[in-house]
Amino acid sequence: MSETRSAPLYCPYCGEEDLRPNEAGHGAWECHACARVFTVRFGGLLSRAVAR
């Protein structure tokens, strides 16, 4: 598995794409359109398959 992570494509608050990594910590991103800082983190895997 790769050690690098994908960057978020858009801000979850305003939907803009002007995102840059934030110095606050690993996984933190800042949106220059709405001036919010958010964190992206992996929460885990489901213990069972999801029925479609």
Protein backbone atom coordinates (compact mmCIF):
# COMPACT_ATOMS: atom_id res chain seq x y z
CA MET A 1 0.00 0.00 0.00
CA SER A 2 1.21 3.51 -0.73
CA GLU A 3 2.48 5.81 2.02
CA THR A 4 1.08 8.89 0.28
CA ARG A 5 -2.53 10.00 0.56
CA SER A 6 -4.78 11.65 -1.98
CA ALA A 7 -5.59 15.30 -1.49
CA PRO A 8 -9.23 16.34 -1.08
CA LEU A 9 -10.72 17.63 -4.33
CA TYR A 10 -13.01 20.26 -2.82
CA CYS A 11 -13.88 21.97 0.46
CA PRO A 12 -16.63 20.10 2.36
CA TYR A 13 -18.10 23.44 3.51
CA CYS A 14 -18.21 25.65 0.41
CA GLY A 15 -17.31 23.27 -2.45
CA GLU A 16 -14.42 25.37 -3.78
CA GLU A 17 -11.20 23.76 -5.00
CA ASP A 18 -8.65 26.30 -3.66
CA LEU A 19 -7.18 24.01 -0.97
CA ARG A 20 -3.71 23.94 0.52
CA PRO A 21 -2.12 21.82 3.26
CA ASN A 22 -2.27 23.44 6.70
CA GLU A 23 0.64 23.45 9.13
CA ALA A 24 -1.64 22.42 12.03
CA GLY A 25 -0.94 18.75 11.51
CA HIS A 26 -1.17 15.67 9.35
CA GLY A 27 -4.32 15.65 7.26
CA ALA A 28 -5.21 19.31 7.91
CA TRP A 29 -6.27 21.41 4.91
CA GLU A 30 -7.19 25.08 4.56
CA CYS A 31 -9.69 26.51 2.10
CA HIS A 32 -8.72 29.92 0.77
CA ALA A 33 -12.26 30.60 -0.45
CA CYS A 34 -14.11 30.32 2.90
CA ALA A 35 -11.09 30.55 5.28
CA ARG A 36 -11.89 27.26 7.05
CA VAL A 37 -9.43 24.62 8.19
CA PHE A 38 -10.56 20.99 8.22
CA THR A 39 -9.00 17.60 8.80
CA VAL A 40 -9.32 14.50 6.64
CA ARG A 41 -8.78 11.22 8.43
CA PHE A 42 -9.51 7.57 7.80
CA GLY A 43 -12.11 6.23 10.21
CA GLY A 44 -11.81 2.51 9.52
CA LEU A 45 -13.46 -0.29 7.59
CA LEU A 46 -16.94 -1.75 8.01
CA SER A 47 -17.00 -5.19 9.56
CA ARG A 48 -19.45 -6.40 6.91
CA ALA A 49 -20.23 -5.65 3.30
CA VAL A 50 -22.84 -2.98 2.57
CA ALA A 51 -25.84 -4.28 0.60
CA ARG A 52 -26.67 -2.25 -2.50
